[in-house]
N, C-alpha and C. Protein backbone atom coordinates (compact mmCIF):
# COMPACT_ATOMS: atom_id res chain seq x y z
N MET A 1 1.04 -1.57 -0.07
CA MET A 1 0.29 0.06 0.25
C MET A 1 0.98 1.23 0.15
N ASN A 2 0.34 2.12 -0.97
CA ASN A 2 1.81 3.18 -0.92
C ASN A 2 1.10 4.41 0.07
N LEU A 3 2.10 5.12 -0.11
CA LEU A 3 1.69 6.58 1.13
C LEU A 3 -0.11 7.19 0.61
N TYR A 4 -0.16 7.21 -0.15
CA TYR A 4 -1.39 8.25 -0.58
C TYR A 4 -2.44 7.23 0.07
N SER A 5 -2.41 6.44 -0.48
CA SER A 5 -3.58 4.87 0.11
C SER A 5 -3.40 5.14 1.55
N LEU A 6 -2.31 4.97 2.29
CA LEU A 6 -2.40 4.89 3.69
C LEU A 6 -2.86 6.26 3.81
N THR A 7 -2.46 7.29 3.62
CA THR A 7 -3.15 8.48 3.79
C THR A 7 -4.69 8.28 4.37
N ALA A 8 -5.45 8.59 3.24
CA ALA A 8 -6.65 8.28 2.53
C ALA A 8 -7.34 7.52 4.00
N ALA A 9 -6.58 6.20 3.58
CA ALA A 9 -7.18 4.96 4.75
C ALA A 9 -7.15 5.65 6.39
N TYR A 10 -5.75 6.29 6.88
CA TYR A 10 -5.99 6.51 7.73
C TYR A 10 -7.09 7.90 8.32
N GLN A 11 -7.40 8.36 6.99
CA GLN A 11 -8.20 9.86 7.30
C GLN A 11 -9.24 9.43 7.40
N HIS A 12 -10.30 8.18 6.33
CA HIS A 12 -11.33 7.42 6.91
C HIS A 12 -11.28 7.24 7.91
N ILE A 13 -10.59 6.40 8.61
CA ILE A 13 -10.60 5.61 9.69
C ILE A 13 -11.05 6.69 10.96
N GLN A 14 -10.19 7.57 10.59
CA GLN A 14 -10.53 8.70 12.02
C GLN A 14 -11.41 9.37 11.97
N SER A 15 -12.30 9.25 10.50
CA SER A 15 -13.58 10.05 11.04
C SER A 15 -14.55 9.02 11.13
N LEU A 16 -14.21 7.57 11.25
CA LEU A 16 -15.55 6.80 11.70
C LEU A 16 -15.61 6.73 13.07
N ILE A 17 -14.15 7.08 13.91
CA ILE A 17 -13.65 6.99 15.24
C ILE A 17 -14.44 8.49 15.84
N GLU A 18 -14.35 9.28 14.85
CA GLU A 18 -15.01 10.37 15.62
C GLU A 18 -16.04 10.34 15.56
N ASP A 19 -16.59 9.62 14.73
CA ASP A 19 -18.46 9.77 14.81
C ASP A 19 -18.73 8.49 15.78
N GLY A 20 -17.82 7.91 16.38
CA GLY A 20 -18.46 6.82 17.49
C GLY A 20 -18.06 5.90 16.75
N GLY A 21 -17.15 5.38 16.46
CA GLY A 21 -16.91 3.98 15.99
C GLY A 21 -16.33 2.87 16.74
N GLU A 22 -16.77 1.58 16.88
CA GLU A 22 -15.69 1.36 17.97
C GLU A 22 -15.13 0.05 17.36
N ASN A 23 -14.21 -0.85 18.16
CA ASN A 23 -13.31 -1.97 17.59
C ASN A 23 -12.41 -1.34 16.34
N LEU A 24 -12.15 0.00 16.15
CA LEU A 24 -11.65 0.51 15.11
C LEU A 24 -10.15 0.79 15.84
N ALA A 25 -9.59 1.06 16.78
CA ALA A 25 -8.11 1.47 17.65
C ALA A 25 -7.42 0.25 16.67
N ASP A 26 -7.54 -0.94 16.67
CA ASP A 26 -7.10 -2.23 16.28
C ASP A 26 -6.13 -1.95 14.61
N THR A 27 -7.19 -1.51 14.09
CA THR A 27 -6.83 -1.28 12.80
C THR A 27 -6.12 0.58 12.66
N LEU A 28 -6.97 1.20 13.14
CA LEU A 28 -6.03 2.46 13.26
C LEU A 28 -4.57 1.96 13.63
N GLU A 29 -4.24 1.22 15.05
CA GLU A 29 -2.96 1.14 15.07
C GLU A 29 -2.07 0.36 14.37
N SER A 30 -2.48 -0.80 13.41
CA SER A 30 -1.88 -1.32 12.34
C SER A 30 -1.67 -0.23 11.33
N LEU A 31 -2.41 0.59 11.00
CA LEU A 31 -2.34 1.76 10.03
C LEU A 31 -1.42 2.26 10.08
N ASN A 32 -1.21 2.88 11.89
CA ASN A 32 0.11 3.61 12.11
C ASN A 32 1.05 3.02 12.03
N ASP A 33 1.43 1.81 12.03
CA ASP A 33 2.36 0.94 11.80
C ASP A 33 2.91 0.93 10.03
N ALA A 34 1.74 0.80 9.64
CA ALA A 34 2.08 0.78 8.06
C ALA A 34 2.60 2.30 7.81
N ILE A 35 1.84 3.84 8.68
CA ILE A 35 2.75 4.67 7.77
C ILE A 35 4.04 4.86 8.52
N GLU A 36 4.50 4.16 9.82
CA GLU A 36 5.48 4.17 9.91
C GLU A 36 6.77 3.83 9.34
N VAL A 37 6.05 2.52 8.90
CA VAL A 37 7.31 1.74 7.69
C VAL A 37 7.46 2.71 6.49
N LYS A 38 6.67 3.38 6.10
CA LYS A 38 6.81 4.21 4.63
C LYS A 38 7.74 5.21 4.98
N ALA A 39 7.18 5.84 6.11
CA ALA A 39 7.72 7.57 6.80
C ALA A 39 9.51 7.35 7.00
N VAL A 40 9.65 5.78 7.17
CA VAL A 40 10.88 5.34 7.18
C VAL A 40 11.73 5.33 6.10
N GLY A 41 11.21 4.40 5.36
CA GLY A 41 11.30 4.09 3.75
C GLY A 41 11.92 5.72 3.01
N TYR A 42 10.81 6.36 3.40
CA TYR A 42 10.99 7.77 2.43
C TYR A 42 11.77 8.56 3.28
N ALA A 43 11.99 8.25 4.56
CA ALA A 43 13.32 9.29 5.36
C ALA A 43 14.33 8.65 4.67
N LYS A 44 14.97 7.61 4.59
CA LYS A 44 15.98 6.69 3.85
C LYS A 44 16.40 7.51 3.08
N ILE A 45 15.50 7.53 2.03
CA ILE A 45 15.65 8.00 0.48
C ILE A 45 15.91 9.77 0.37
N ILE A 46 14.95 10.29 1.23
CA ILE A 46 15.22 11.95 1.56
C ILE A 46 16.62 12.04 1.93
N LYS A 47 16.76 11.53 3.03
CA LYS A 47 18.52 11.74 3.81
C LYS A 47 19.57 10.96 2.27
N ASN A 48 19.42 10.52 1.53
CA ASN A 48 19.96 9.80 0.99
C ASN A 48 20.26 10.90 -0.51
N LEU A 49 18.93 11.67 -0.78
CA LEU A 49 18.91 13.05 -1.72
C LEU A 49 19.80 13.96 -1.24
N GLU A 50 19.75 14.23 0.14
CA GLU A 50 20.27 15.23 0.55
C GLU A 50 21.45 15.22 0.72
N GLY A 51 21.87 13.61 1.04
CA GLY A 51 23.36 13.75 1.16
C GLY A 51 24.11 13.77 -0.67
N GLN A 52 23.30 13.34 -1.56
CA GLN A 52 23.89 13.55 -2.92
C GLN A 52 23.99 15.45 -3.44
N ALA A 53 22.87 15.67 -2.91
CA ALA A 53 23.31 17.34 -3.10
C ALA A 53 23.77 17.58 -2.86
N LEU A 54 24.34 17.63 -1.52
CA LEU A 54 25.31 18.22 -0.78
C LEU A 54 26.35 18.06 -1.57
N ALA A 55 26.85 16.19 -1.56
CA ALA A 55 28.38 16.61 -2.65
C ALA A 55 27.87 17.16 -3.76
N ILE A 56 26.90 17.32 -4.62
CA ILE A 56 26.87 18.03 -5.48
C ILE A 56 27.45 19.29 -5.39
N LYS A 57 26.67 20.38 -4.70
CA LYS A 57 27.16 21.32 -3.82
C LYS A 57 28.91 21.21 -3.81
N SER A 58 29.18 20.69 -2.62
CA SER A 58 30.56 20.81 -2.47
C SER A 58 31.21 20.47 -3.63
N GLU A 59 31.22 20.36 -4.70
CA GLU A 59 31.99 20.36 -6.10
C GLU A 59 31.85 21.19 -6.84
N GLU A 60 30.59 21.45 -6.77
CA GLU A 60 30.49 22.81 -7.42
C GLU A 60 31.34 24.01 -6.93
N GLU A 61 31.14 23.76 -5.61
CA GLU A 61 31.87 25.12 -4.82
C GLU A 61 33.47 25.18 -5.07
N ARG A 62 33.84 23.58 -5.36
CA ARG A 62 35.15 22.61 -5.61
C ARG A 62 35.42 23.45 -7.07
N LEU A 63 34.80 23.24 -7.90
CA LEU A 63 35.21 23.62 -9.15
C LEU A 63 35.09 25.56 -9.82
N ALA A 64 34.02 26.01 -8.94
CA ALA A 64 34.73 26.81 -8.85
C ALA A 64 35.05 28.27 -8.61
N GLY A 65 35.88 27.55 -7.95
CA GLY A 65 37.12 27.92 -6.86
C GLY A 65 38.70 27.53 -8.29
N ARG A 66 37.91 26.39 -8.76
CA ARG A 66 38.73 26.01 -9.69
C ARG A 66 38.83 26.92 -11.25
N ARG A 67 37.84 27.45 -10.95
CA ARG A 67 37.71 28.08 -12.55
C ARG A 67 38.08 29.08 -12.25
N ARG A 68 38.08 30.26 -10.96
CA ARG A 68 38.15 31.58 -10.58
C ARG A 68 39.69 31.32 -10.78
N SER A 69 40.62 30.38 -10.14
CA SER A 69 42.19 30.05 -10.22
C SER A 69 42.47 30.40 -12.03
N ILE A 70 41.71 29.51 -12.76
CA ILE A 70 42.05 29.33 -13.84
C ILE A 70 42.19 30.73 -14.64
N GLU A 71 40.65 31.14 -14.45
CA GLU A 71 40.55 32.19 -15.16
C GLU A 71 41.66 33.72 -14.72
N GLY A 72 42.20 33.73 -12.97
CA GLY A 72 43.35 34.58 -13.21
C GLY A 72 44.49 34.18 -13.75
N ASN A 73 44.78 33.03 -13.45
CA ASN A 73 46.09 32.49 -14.44
C ASN A 73 45.89 33.23 -15.41
N THR A 74 44.94 32.69 -16.42
CA THR A 74 44.74 33.55 -17.83
C THR A 74 44.78 34.81 -18.18
N LYS A 75 44.47 35.76 -16.92
CA LYS A 75 44.44 37.44 -16.82
C LYS A 75 46.03 37.57 -16.62
N ARG A 76 46.41 36.81 -15.83
CA ARG A 76 47.54 37.30 -15.62
C ARG A 76 48.72 37.16 -16.82
N LEU A 77 48.71 36.04 -17.77
CA LEU A 77 49.46 35.38 -19.05
C LEU A 77 49.07 36.26 -19.58
N LYS A 78 47.93 36.89 -19.83
CA LYS A 78 47.09 37.94 -21.16
C LYS A 78 48.11 39.38 -20.69
N GLU A 79 47.72 40.13 -19.81
CA GLU A 79 48.91 41.01 -19.30
C GLU A 79 50.15 41.38 -19.36
N ALA A 80 50.68 40.26 -18.71
CA ALA A 80 52.35 39.88 -18.77
C ALA A 80 52.72 39.92 -20.62
N LEU A 81 51.94 39.08 -21.35
CA LEU A 81 51.87 39.10 -22.67
C LEU A 81 52.16 40.83 -23.74
N GLU A 82 50.81 41.36 -22.69
CA GLU A 82 50.41 42.31 -23.18
C GLU A 82 51.56 43.34 -22.79
N GLN A 83 52.07 43.79 -21.79
CA GLN A 83 53.17 44.19 -21.17
C GLN A 83 54.51 44.20 -22.16
N SER A 84 54.61 42.79 -22.02
CA SER A 84 55.96 42.56 -23.01
C SER A 84 55.93 43.23 -24.69
N MET A 85 54.72 42.65 -24.41
CA MET A 85 54.73 43.43 -25.93
C MET A 85 54.63 44.91 -26.41
N ILE A 86 54.05 45.87 -25.54
CA ILE A 86 53.78 47.05 -25.14
C ILE A 86 55.57 47.45 -24.65
N GLN A 87 56.31 46.86 -24.10
CA GLN A 87 57.54 47.47 -23.92
C GLN A 87 58.83 47.25 -24.98
N THR A 88 58.46 46.26 -25.77
CA THR A 88 59.13 46.12 -26.46
C THR A 88 58.81 46.84 -27.91
N ASN A 89 57.22 47.43 -27.81
CA ASN A 89 56.84 48.76 -28.97
C ASN A 89 56.57 47.55 -30.31
N ILE A 90 55.82 46.37 -30.01
CA ILE A 90 55.86 45.24 -30.72
C ILE A 90 53.94 45.07 -31.40
N LYS A 91 53.31 46.22 -32.24
CA LYS A 91 51.99 46.31 -31.92
C LYS A 91 50.71 45.15 -32.39
N LYS A 92 51.76 44.18 -33.57
CA LYS A 92 51.32 43.09 -34.18
C LYS A 92 52.55 42.32 -34.23
N LEU A 93 51.64 40.76 -34.19
CA LEU A 93 52.56 39.51 -34.15
C LEU A 93 52.06 38.71 -34.66
N LYS A 94 52.83 38.01 -35.60
CA LYS A 94 51.75 37.22 -36.02
C LYS A 94 52.87 35.76 -36.38
N THR A 95 51.88 34.55 -35.86
CA THR A 95 52.64 32.82 -35.91
C THR A 95 51.75 31.98 -36.72
N GLU A 96 51.93 30.96 -36.89
CA GLU A 96 51.67 30.03 -37.61
C GLU A 96 50.61 29.59 -36.98
N LEU A 97 49.95 29.73 -35.32
CA LEU A 97 49.21 29.64 -34.64
C LEU A 97 48.03 30.59 -34.57
N PHE A 98 48.60 31.81 -34.05
CA PHE A 98 48.00 33.31 -33.53
C PHE A 98 48.78 34.31 -34.22
N SER A 99 47.53 35.21 -34.11
CA SER A 99 47.89 36.74 -34.18
C SER A 99 48.21 37.74 -33.20
N PHE A 100 48.25 38.52 -33.03
CA PHE A 100 48.48 39.34 -31.63
C PHE A 100 48.51 40.83 -32.34
N ASN A 101 47.64 41.69 -31.59
CA ASN A 101 47.56 42.80 -32.10
C ASN A 101 47.27 43.53 -30.52
N ILE A 102 47.69 44.97 -30.56
CA ILE A 102 47.71 45.52 -28.95
C ILE A 102 47.04 46.54 -30.25
N GLN A 103 45.41 47.25 -29.43
CA GLN A 103 44.35 48.05 -29.97
C GLN A 103 43.89 48.67 -29.07
N LYS A 104 43.15 49.54 -29.55
CA LYS A 104 41.96 50.41 -28.66
C LYS A 104 40.72 49.44 -28.54
N ASN A 105 40.47 49.77 -27.04
CA ASN A 105 39.13 49.26 -26.46
C ASN A 105 37.91 50.29 -26.99
N PRO A 106 37.11 49.78 -26.44
CA PRO A 106 35.82 50.80 -26.91
C PRO A 106 36.06 51.77 -25.44
N PRO A 107 35.52 53.19 -26.29
CA PRO A 107 35.36 54.12 -24.97
C PRO A 107 34.73 54.09 -23.60
N GLY A 108 35.15 54.55 -22.66
CA GLY A 108 34.18 53.85 -21.14
C GLY A 108 34.24 55.66 -20.38
N VAL A 109 33.86 55.10 -19.30
CA VAL A 109 33.63 56.19 -18.77
C VAL A 109 34.70 56.11 -17.38
N GLU A 110 35.16 57.06 -16.43
CA GLU A 110 35.97 57.05 -15.75
C GLU A 110 35.21 57.85 -14.75
N VAL A 111 34.08 57.39 -13.74
CA VAL A 111 33.98 58.62 -12.73
C VAL A 111 34.88 59.26 -11.69
N LEU A 112 35.07 60.69 -11.58
CA LEU A 112 36.15 60.97 -10.86
C LEU A 112 35.33 61.24 -9.57
N LYS A 113 34.07 62.28 -9.62
CA LYS A 113 33.79 62.83 -8.65
C LYS A 113 32.44 62.28 -8.63
N GLU A 114 31.88 61.49 -8.25
CA GLU A 114 30.44 61.37 -8.27
C GLU A 114 29.24 62.36 -7.68
N ASN A 115 29.49 62.76 -7.11
CA ASN A 115 28.76 64.07 -6.59
C ASN A 115 28.88 64.74 -7.26
N ILE A 116 29.77 65.32 -8.43
CA ILE A 116 29.14 66.48 -8.62
C ILE A 116 27.94 66.06 -10.19
N ILE A 117 28.33 65.22 -9.92
CA ILE A 117 27.34 64.47 -11.41
C ILE A 117 26.20 64.98 -11.52
N PRO A 118 25.34 65.13 -13.10
CA PRO A 118 24.14 65.85 -12.35
C PRO A 118 23.38 64.76 -12.58
N LYS A 119 21.99 64.73 -11.60
CA LYS A 119 21.08 64.31 -11.29
C LYS A 119 20.34 63.40 -12.53
N ASN A 120 20.38 63.84 -13.65
CA ASN A 120 19.28 63.01 -14.69
C ASN A 120 20.51 61.95 -15.60
N TYR A 121 22.02 61.90 -14.35
CA TYR A 121 23.11 60.75 -15.10
C TYR A 121 21.95 59.66 -14.22
N PHE A 122 22.03 59.76 -13.39
CA PHE A 122 21.62 58.57 -12.29
C PHE A 122 20.38 57.79 -12.97
N ILE A 123 20.60 56.74 -12.60
CA ILE A 123 19.11 55.54 -12.64
C ILE A 123 18.30 55.78 -11.71
N GLU A 124 17.20 56.15 -11.44
CA GLU A 124 16.14 55.65 -9.95
C GLU A 124 15.53 53.88 -10.25
N GLN A 125 16.20 53.61 -9.14
CA GLN A 125 15.50 52.64 -8.66
C GLN A 125 14.49 52.17 -7.99
N GLU A 126 13.34 51.17 -7.55
CA GLU A 126 12.82 50.98 -7.11
C GLU A 126 13.01 50.28 -6.26
N PRO A 127 12.07 50.97 -4.73
CA PRO A 127 12.81 50.57 -3.36
C PRO A 127 12.26 49.34 -2.92
N LYS A 128 13.29 48.73 -2.57
CA LYS A 128 13.13 47.23 -2.22
C LYS A 128 12.41 47.47 -0.59
N LEU A 129 12.04 45.98 -0.65
CA LEU A 129 11.32 45.38 1.03
C LEU A 129 12.46 45.02 1.57
N ASP A 130 13.03 45.55 2.86
CA ASP A 130 13.93 44.68 3.74
C ASP A 130 13.06 43.54 4.56
N LYS A 131 12.74 42.60 4.19
CA LYS A 131 11.99 41.64 4.85
C LYS A 131 12.84 41.35 6.39
N LYS A 132 14.02 41.02 6.42
CA LYS A 132 14.86 40.60 7.62
C LYS A 132 14.02 41.86 8.52
N THR A 133 14.57 42.53 8.00
CA THR A 133 14.63 44.13 9.02
C THR A 133 13.06 43.94 9.57
N ILE A 134 11.73 43.76 8.73
CA ILE A 134 10.49 43.98 9.25
C ILE A 134 10.69 42.58 10.64
N LEU A 135 11.08 41.19 9.95
CA LEU A 135 10.73 40.74 10.64
C LEU A 135 11.59 40.85 12.16
N GLN A 136 12.78 41.37 12.09
CA GLN A 136 13.07 41.65 13.36
C GLN A 136 12.29 42.60 14.84
N ASP A 137 11.51 43.52 13.94
CA ASP A 137 10.77 44.21 14.37
C ASP A 137 9.78 44.01 14.74
N LEU A 138 9.10 42.86 14.20
CA LEU A 138 7.92 41.91 14.55
C LEU A 138 8.19 41.22 15.82
N LYS A 139 9.63 40.67 16.06
CA LYS A 139 9.84 39.85 16.50
C LYS A 139 9.92 40.30 18.31
N ASN A 140 10.26 41.96 17.96
CA ASN A 140 11.00 42.57 19.10
C ASN A 140 9.54 43.59 19.22
N GLY A 141 8.15 43.36 19.00
CA GLY A 141 7.04 43.89 19.42
C GLY A 141 6.73 45.16 18.69
N VAL A 142 7.26 45.61 17.93
CA VAL A 142 7.10 46.80 16.79
C VAL A 142 5.84 46.52 15.71
N LYS A 143 4.86 47.40 15.94
CA LYS A 143 3.85 47.62 14.90
C LYS A 143 4.08 48.09 13.63
N VAL A 144 4.25 47.32 12.89
CA VAL A 144 4.38 47.87 11.41
C VAL A 144 3.25 47.13 10.51
N PRO A 145 2.68 48.50 9.66
CA PRO A 145 1.60 48.55 9.07
C PRO A 145 1.91 47.99 7.84
N GLY A 146 0.52 46.98 8.06
CA GLY A 146 0.97 46.18 6.16
C GLY A 146 1.37 44.57 6.18
N VAL A 147 1.86 44.59 7.49
CA VAL A 147 2.63 43.07 7.39
C VAL A 147 1.76 42.73 8.72
N GLU A 148 2.00 41.44 8.42
CA GLU A 148 2.03 40.17 10.22
C GLU A 148 2.97 39.02 9.83
N MET A 149 3.23 38.96 11.15
CA MET A 149 4.41 37.50 10.96
C MET A 149 3.91 36.42 11.21
N ARG A 150 4.39 35.17 10.43
CA ARG A 150 3.23 33.74 10.13
C ARG A 150 4.51 33.21 9.82
N GLN A 151 3.81 32.01 10.78
CA GLN A 151 5.10 30.77 10.82
C GLN A 151 4.14 29.56 10.78
N SER A 152 4.83 28.73 9.82
CA SER A 152 4.17 27.89 9.01
C SER A 152 4.88 26.36 9.58
N GLU A 153 4.46 25.38 9.11
CA GLU A 153 4.87 24.20 9.65
C GLU A 153 5.80 23.43 8.67
N GLY A 154 6.50 22.61 8.82
CA GLY A 154 7.22 21.88 7.76
C GLY A 154 7.79 20.71 8.22
N LEU A 155 8.08 19.45 7.54
CA LEU A 155 8.37 17.89 7.69
C LEU A 155 10.28 18.48 8.30
N ARG A 156 9.96 17.90 9.30
CA ARG A 156 11.85 18.00 9.59
C ARG A 156 12.53 16.30 9.52
N ILE A 157 13.27 15.97 9.62
CA ILE A 157 13.60 14.52 9.95
C ILE A 157 15.27 14.24 10.19
N ARG A 158 15.08 13.96 11.31
CA ARG A 158 16.52 13.77 12.19
C ARG A 158 16.80 12.70 12.19
């Protein structure tokens, strides 16, 4: 019997008991045992999947660190080659495999004093709600209009 069938059967038996049914306690107990067995099976699968997810997350972090290291090495090698070409006054270099050029990048803006830039160059941004501060204030007894603190329930498996 799957978990969904067990749940439906449990709800049916519970409603019979609430309506005054007798001799259903044994059936209810056996049903509880069946749900407990299913719950243990589900918990084992859940713990296994959580372990797999944690291992993947750890591997993602390791690979991200390795990627950053490779990107840093690539940047340093490019900079060293560029400086070498600039110091030797070589603007173009062609080999059998690669061509190298020192060329101008597209123009960009360097901000020297942001506080004197006219306001029309700034982008207006929508205000962002700080839910963490609101929650902390609510916990401290502060009344915040338009919100209420809610606490939901969730399954914990230990």
